Amino acid sequence: MKKSAVKKKAGSTREEFIKVEPNVYLHITDAGQGRPVVLIHGWPLSDEMYEYQYNDLINNKFRVIGITLRGFGQSSKPYGLYDYDVHARDIKKVLDHLEIKKAVLGGFSMGGSIAIRYVSLYKGSHVSKLALFGAAAPIWTQRKDFPYNLPVKAVDALIKLNYKDRPKLLLDFTKIFSATPTSLNKGIGGWLNGICLSASSYATAHCLIALRDTDLRKDLTKINIPTLILHGKKDKICSFDLAEQMKAGIAGSQLIPFENSGHSLFLEETRKFNAELIKFAGK
């Protein structure tokens, strides 16, 4: 498959792979016309997770740009660092290359954490709004002064399982991904699992390390653009406590609870999710 880095005019065939450093290409979904909405996936998915958001956004006159992070999906899977700074830098290179202006940057789960780091690190370059979906922030694991979500030991166990039986790791996550075991049908569950299996084992583990260790509380205080927080009340992977902490830490942010959703709010309450994102992006 040819990985071209030649710029294309909007409306013509657009790039599917963008080079971010020597021998490292990110897979991009780029479709539609209008205000850009840039979407970052969660661990260990790819930009394919937004399939049921893309069409609604395009039909409502937005340009959608889904970025698959290094190590996942069809993007390159190099050896090296997989911390939030690396991912934020990759996103910056993609947005520089595409000459994006005043985008809405959205991120799910780990992608939400990376979106926060991006806005903090680059002072909102290329973006004018931030949307966080079930974000794994400000910290995914407990601290002495942060008694929320998962204990560090639980994530250590996930990392061990990744190297021993990665399919079981993904299956275990699938069981707690939605509000109840039957909130998502078997077809959707199998589709998600297939996306996750396309990630590299190395990236899967090292992004778990970043999730476990990164504290974004200071980053929250640097966000000064309109921010929307969408979060499932029944989330077992990123508890609703995290959403409340994000709202408290990001000045002027808006929190919309999804009463009937777990972590997969974008699939459990798709109509509401898409409507809230489109409304926010269109303001």
Protein backbone atom coordinates (compact mmCIF):
# COMPACT_ATOMS: atom_id res chain seq x y z
CA MET A 1 0.00 0.00 0.00
CA LYS A 2 1.46 3.31 -1.04
CA LYS A 3 1.83 5.79 1.81
CA SER A 4 1.81 9.14 0.10
CA ALA A 5 2.68 12.39 1.86
CA VAL A 6 1.60 14.63 -1.03
CA LYS A 7 -0.98 17.23 -0.10
CA LYS A 8 -4.40 17.01 -1.73
CA LYS A 9 -6.97 19.71 -2.17
CA ALA A 10 -10.20 19.36 -0.21
CA GLY A 11 -12.74 17.48 -2.29
CA SER A 12 -10.13 15.40 -4.17
CA THR A 13 -8.71 12.07 -3.04
CA ARG A 14 -7.26 12.67 0.40
CA GLU A 15 -4.30 11.15 2.14
CA GLU A 16 -4.87 7.96 4.05
CA PHE A 17 -1.40 7.90 5.61
CA ILE A 18 0.62 10.86 6.88
CA LYS A 19 4.30 10.67 7.77
CA VAL A 20 5.12 11.97 11.26
CA GLU A 21 8.75 10.90 11.44
CA PRO A 22 11.08 8.69 9.38
CA ASN A 23 9.35 5.35 8.71
CA VAL A 24 6.35 6.24 10.90
CA TYR A 25 2.99 6.86 9.22
CA LEU A 26 -0.38 7.44 10.87
CA HIS A 27 -3.61 6.19 9.33
CA ILE A 28 -6.08 9.02 8.73
CA THR A 29 -9.79 9.10 7.95
CA ASP A 30 -10.47 12.45 6.24
CA ALA A 31 -13.93 13.04 4.79
CA GLY A 32 -16.58 15.71 4.41
CA GLN A 33 -16.49 19.49 4.05
CA GLY A 34 -16.83 22.22 6.64
CA ARG A 35 -15.50 22.90 10.10
CA PRO A 36 -12.96 20.19 11.01
CA VAL A 37 -13.72 17.77 13.83
CA VAL A 38 -10.58 15.84 14.79
CA LEU A 39 -11.19 12.58 16.65
CA ILE A 40 -8.67 10.58 18.68
CA HIS A 41 -9.49 6.98 19.60
CA GLY A 42 -9.06 5.17 22.89
CA TRP A 43 -6.87 2.25 24.00
CA PRO A 44 -6.41 -0.16 22.22
CA LEU A 45 -8.78 0.82 19.38
CA SER A 46 -8.22 2.82 16.18
CA ASP A 47 -10.01 5.65 14.36
CA GLU A 48 -12.42 2.97 13.06
CA MET A 49 -14.23 3.17 16.43
CA TYR A 50 -15.93 6.38 15.22
CA GLU A 51 -17.73 4.69 12.30
CA TYR A 52 -21.13 5.62 13.71
CA GLN A 53 -20.11 9.24 14.29
CA TYR A 54 -18.47 9.90 10.92
CA ASN A 55 -21.59 9.79 8.76
CA ASP A 56 -23.66 12.00 11.05
CA LEU A 57 -20.87 14.58 11.21
CA ILE A 58 -20.38 14.55 7.43
CA ASN A 59 -24.12 14.85 6.81
CA ASN A 60 -24.19 17.86 9.14
CA LYS A 61 -21.54 19.69 7.08
CA PHE A 62 -18.43 18.90 9.12
CA ARG A 63 -15.09 17.66 7.91
CA VAL A 64 -14.09 14.64 10.01
CA ILE A 65 -10.45 13.76 10.58
CA GLY A 66 -9.87 10.55 12.51
CA ILE A 67 -6.28 9.93 13.56
CA THR A 68 -5.07 6.45 14.47
CA LEU A 69 -2.22 6.73 16.94
CA ARG A 70 1.10 4.99 16.34
CA GLY A 71 1.02 1.37 17.42
CA PHE A 72 -2.67 0.88 16.64
CA GLY A 73 -4.90 -0.07 13.73
CA GLN A 74 -3.31 0.55 10.34
CA SER A 75 -0.76 3.07 11.65
CA SER A 76 2.94 2.20 11.90
CA LYS A 77 3.97 0.22 14.97
CA PRO A 78 7.53 1.30 15.80
CA TYR A 79 9.59 0.43 18.85
CA GLY A 80 10.09 3.44 21.15
CA LEU A 81 8.20 5.79 23.44
CA TYR A 82 4.42 5.72 23.67
CA ASP A 83 3.78 8.44 26.24
CA TYR A 84 1.23 11.23 25.84
CA ASP A 85 3.84 13.71 24.64
CA VAL A 86 4.78 11.46 21.70
CA HIS A 87 1.13 11.06 20.68
CA ALA A 88 0.45 14.79 21.08
CA ARG A 89 3.45 15.58 18.90
CA ASP A 90 2.20 13.17 16.22
CA ILE A 91 -1.21 14.87 16.25
CA LYS A 92 0.46 18.26 15.91
CA LYS A 93 2.39 17.06 12.85
CA VAL A 94 -0.79 15.77 11.22
CA LEU A 95 -2.67 19.01 11.85
CA ASP A 96 0.32 21.06 10.65
CA HIS A 97 0.49 18.99 7.48
CA LEU A 98 -3.23 19.30 6.76
CA GLU A 99 -3.17 23.04 7.63
CA ILE A 100 -6.13 22.63 9.98
CA LYS A 101 -7.60 25.72 11.65
CA LYS A 102 -10.14 26.18 14.45
CA ALA A 103 -10.91 22.48 14.77
CA VAL A 104 -12.96 20.75 17.42
CA LEU A 105 -10.60 18.20 18.99
CA GLY A 106 -12.34 15.18 20.48
CA GLY A 107 -10.83 12.25 22.34
CA PHE A 108 -12.21 9.04 23.83
CA SER A 109 -10.74 7.38 26.95
CA MET A 110 -6.94 7.45 26.50
CA GLY A 111 -7.55 9.63 23.44
CA GLY A 112 -9.20 12.15 25.75
CA SER A 113 -6.11 12.20 27.95
CA ILE A 114 -3.93 12.74 24.91
CA ALA A 115 -6.22 15.52 23.67
CA ILE A 116 -5.84 17.26 27.05
CA ARG A 117 -2.05 16.95 26.84
CA TYR A 118 -2.14 18.30 23.25
CA VAL A 119 -4.12 21.42 24.20
CA SER A 120 -1.92 22.00 27.25
CA LEU A 121 1.37 21.42 25.44
CA TYR A 122 0.61 23.34 22.25
CA LYS A 123 -1.63 26.02 23.73
CA GLY A 124 -4.56 24.88 21.60
CA SER A 125 -2.71 25.20 18.27
CA HIS A 126 -5.08 24.35 15.36
CA VAL A 127 -8.04 23.83 17.70
CA SER A 128 -10.65 26.12 19.21
CA LYS A 129 -12.77 23.60 21.15
CA LEU A 130 -12.17 20.41 23.13
CA ALA A 131 -14.55 17.46 23.58
CA LEU A 132 -13.80 14.63 26.02
CA PHE A 133 -15.64 11.29 25.83
CA GLY A 134 -15.25 8.92 28.77
CA ALA A 135 -11.78 10.38 29.15
CA ALA A 136 -9.13 8.63 31.27
CA ALA A 137 -8.26 11.88 33.02
CA PRO A 138 -7.05 13.67 35.02
CA ILE A 139 -5.46 10.43 36.38
CA TRP A 140 -6.52 6.89 35.49
CA THR A 141 -5.15 5.34 38.67
CA GLN A 142 -5.42 6.11 42.35
CA ARG A 143 -2.99 8.27 44.35
CA LYS A 144 -2.84 9.22 48.02
CA ASP A 145 -4.49 12.51 47.09
CA PHE A 146 -6.66 11.03 44.30
CA PRO A 147 -8.86 8.15 45.51
CA TYR A 148 -10.65 7.60 42.20
CA ASN A 149 -10.88 4.86 39.60
CA LEU A 150 -8.43 1.91 39.41
CA PRO A 151 -5.65 0.97 41.84
CA VAL A 152 -2.17 0.88 40.31
CA LYS A 153 -1.88 -2.85 41.03
CA ALA A 154 -4.90 -3.54 38.82
CA VAL A 155 -3.17 -1.93 35.85
CA ASP A 156 0.05 -3.81 36.61
CA ALA A 157 -1.98 -7.00 36.30
CA LEU A 158 -3.34 -5.85 32.93
CA ILE A 159 0.17 -5.24 31.63
CA LYS A 160 1.24 -8.73 32.76
CA LEU A 161 -1.79 -10.28 31.09
CA ASN A 162 -1.03 -8.44 27.85
CA TYR A 163 2.28 -10.31 27.57
CA LYS A 164 0.77 -13.64 28.62
CA ASP A 165 -2.63 -13.72 26.87
CA ARG A 166 -3.57 -10.53 25.01
CA PRO A 167 -6.85 -11.93 23.59
CA LYS A 168 -8.01 -12.64 27.16
CA LEU A 169 -7.07 -9.10 28.18
CA LEU A 170 -9.26 -7.73 25.40
CA LEU A 171 -12.09 -10.15 26.17
CA ASP A 172 -12.03 -9.12 29.84
CA PHE A 173 -12.26 -5.47 28.82
CA THR A 174 -15.13 -6.22 26.45
CA LYS A 175 -17.12 -7.61 29.38
CA ILE A 176 -16.95 -4.29 31.27
CA PHE A 177 -16.95 -1.94 28.27
CA SER A 178 -20.68 -1.22 28.36
CA ALA A 179 -23.20 -0.61 31.15
CA THR A 180 -24.35 -4.25 31.14
CA PRO A 181 -23.15 -7.42 29.36
CA THR A 182 -26.02 -7.06 26.86
CA SER A 183 -25.86 -3.30 26.22
CA LEU A 184 -23.93 -3.99 23.02
CA ASN A 185 -24.89 -6.86 20.72
CA LYS A 186 -22.45 -9.64 19.82
CA GLY A 187 -21.82 -8.19 16.36
CA ILE A 188 -20.69 -4.84 17.74
CA GLY A 189 -18.63 -6.56 20.42
CA GLY A 190 -16.87 -8.72 17.84
CA TRP A 191 -16.22 -5.69 15.64
CA LEU A 192 -14.61 -3.79 18.52
CA ASN A 193 -12.54 -6.82 19.50
CA GLY A 194 -11.24 -7.13 15.95
CA ILE A 195 -10.12 -3.49 15.97
CA CYS A 196 -8.31 -4.02 19.28
CA LEU A 197 -6.49 -7.12 18.03
CA SER A 198 -4.94 -5.02 15.25
CA ALA A 199 -2.87 -3.09 17.84
CA SER A 200 0.68 -4.13 18.59
CA SER A 201 1.35 -5.90 21.88
CA TYR A 202 4.17 -3.43 22.57
CA ALA A 203 1.96 -0.36 22.10
CA THR A 204 -0.86 -1.98 24.09
CA ALA A 205 1.45 -2.44 27.08
CA HIS A 206 3.29 0.86 26.88
CA CYS A 207 0.09 2.88 26.56
CA LEU A 208 -1.17 1.09 29.68
CA ILE A 209 2.00 2.33 31.39
CA ALA A 210 1.24 5.89 30.23
CA LEU A 211 -2.35 5.56 31.43
CA ARG A 212 -1.17 4.24 34.79
CA ASP A 213 1.50 6.85 35.44
CA THR A 214 0.43 10.16 33.87
CA ASP A 215 -1.04 12.94 36.03
CA LEU A 216 -2.89 15.58 33.98
CA ARG A 217 -4.15 17.76 36.83
CA LYS A 218 -1.79 20.62 35.94
CA ASP A 219 -2.69 20.25 32.27
CA LEU A 220 -6.37 20.84 33.09
CA THR A 221 -5.59 24.28 34.49
CA LYS A 222 -3.99 25.31 31.17
CA ILE A 223 -7.10 24.66 29.08
CA ASN A 224 -8.85 27.91 28.19
CA ILE A 225 -11.01 26.88 25.24
CA PRO A 226 -14.66 25.74 25.40
CA THR A 227 -14.71 22.16 26.64
CA LEU A 228 -17.48 19.56 26.55
CA ILE A 229 -17.32 16.45 28.74
CA LEU A 230 -19.53 13.47 27.81
CA HIS A 231 -19.34 10.57 30.26
CA GLY A 232 -21.32 7.43 31.09
CA LYS A 233 -22.73 7.27 34.62
CA LYS A 234 -22.16 3.48 34.66
CA ASP A 235 -18.59 3.57 33.36
CA LYS A 236 -16.49 0.77 34.91
CA ILE A 237 -13.25 1.67 33.10
CA CYS A 238 -13.20 5.43 33.68
CA SER A 239 -15.54 6.07 36.59
CA PHE A 240 -17.89 9.05 36.57
CA ASP A 241 -15.79 10.50 39.39
CA LEU A 242 -13.18 11.29 36.74
CA ALA A 243 -15.68 13.35 34.76
CA GLU A 244 -16.48 15.38 37.86
CA GLN A 245 -12.76 15.94 38.50
CA MET A 246 -12.28 17.12 34.92
CA LYS A 247 -15.19 19.52 35.18
CA ALA A 248 -13.74 20.93 38.41
CA GLY A 249 -10.30 21.29 36.83
CA ILE A 250 -11.23 22.83 33.46
CA ALA A 251 -12.60 26.34 33.83
CA GLY A 252 -16.01 26.83 32.24
CA SER A 253 -16.32 23.23 31.05
CA GLN A 254 -19.70 21.58 30.50
CA LEU A 255 -20.44 18.04 31.73
CA ILE A 256 -23.28 16.00 30.21
CA PRO A 257 -23.94 12.65 31.94
CA PHE A 258 -25.10 9.63 29.94
CA GLU A 259 -27.38 7.91 32.41
CA ASN A 260 -27.71 4.62 30.53
CA SER A 261 -24.12 4.17 29.36
CA GLY A 262 -20.94 2.56 30.54
CA HIS A 263 -17.61 3.30 28.86
CA SER A 264 -18.98 2.81 25.34
CA LEU A 265 -21.34 5.79 25.42
CA PHE A 266 -20.67 6.48 21.72
CA LEU A 267 -22.33 3.13 20.92
CA GLU A 268 -24.80 2.72 23.80
CA GLU A 269 -26.45 6.12 23.34
CA THR A 270 -25.27 6.93 19.82
CA ARG A 271 -28.08 9.30 18.91
CA LYS A 272 -27.60 11.44 22.02
CA PHE A 273 -23.81 11.30 21.72
CA ASN A 274 -23.81 12.44 18.10
CA ALA A 275 -26.40 15.14 18.73
CA GLU A 276 -24.45 16.64 21.65
CA LEU A 277 -21.17 16.57 19.71
CA ILE A 278 -22.75 18.14 16.60
CA LYS A 279 -24.43 20.84 18.71
CA PHE A 280 -21.18 21.68 20.47
CA ALA A 281 -19.15 21.67 17.26
CA GLY A 282 -21.66 23.90 15.51
CA LYS A 283 -21.75 26.68 18.10
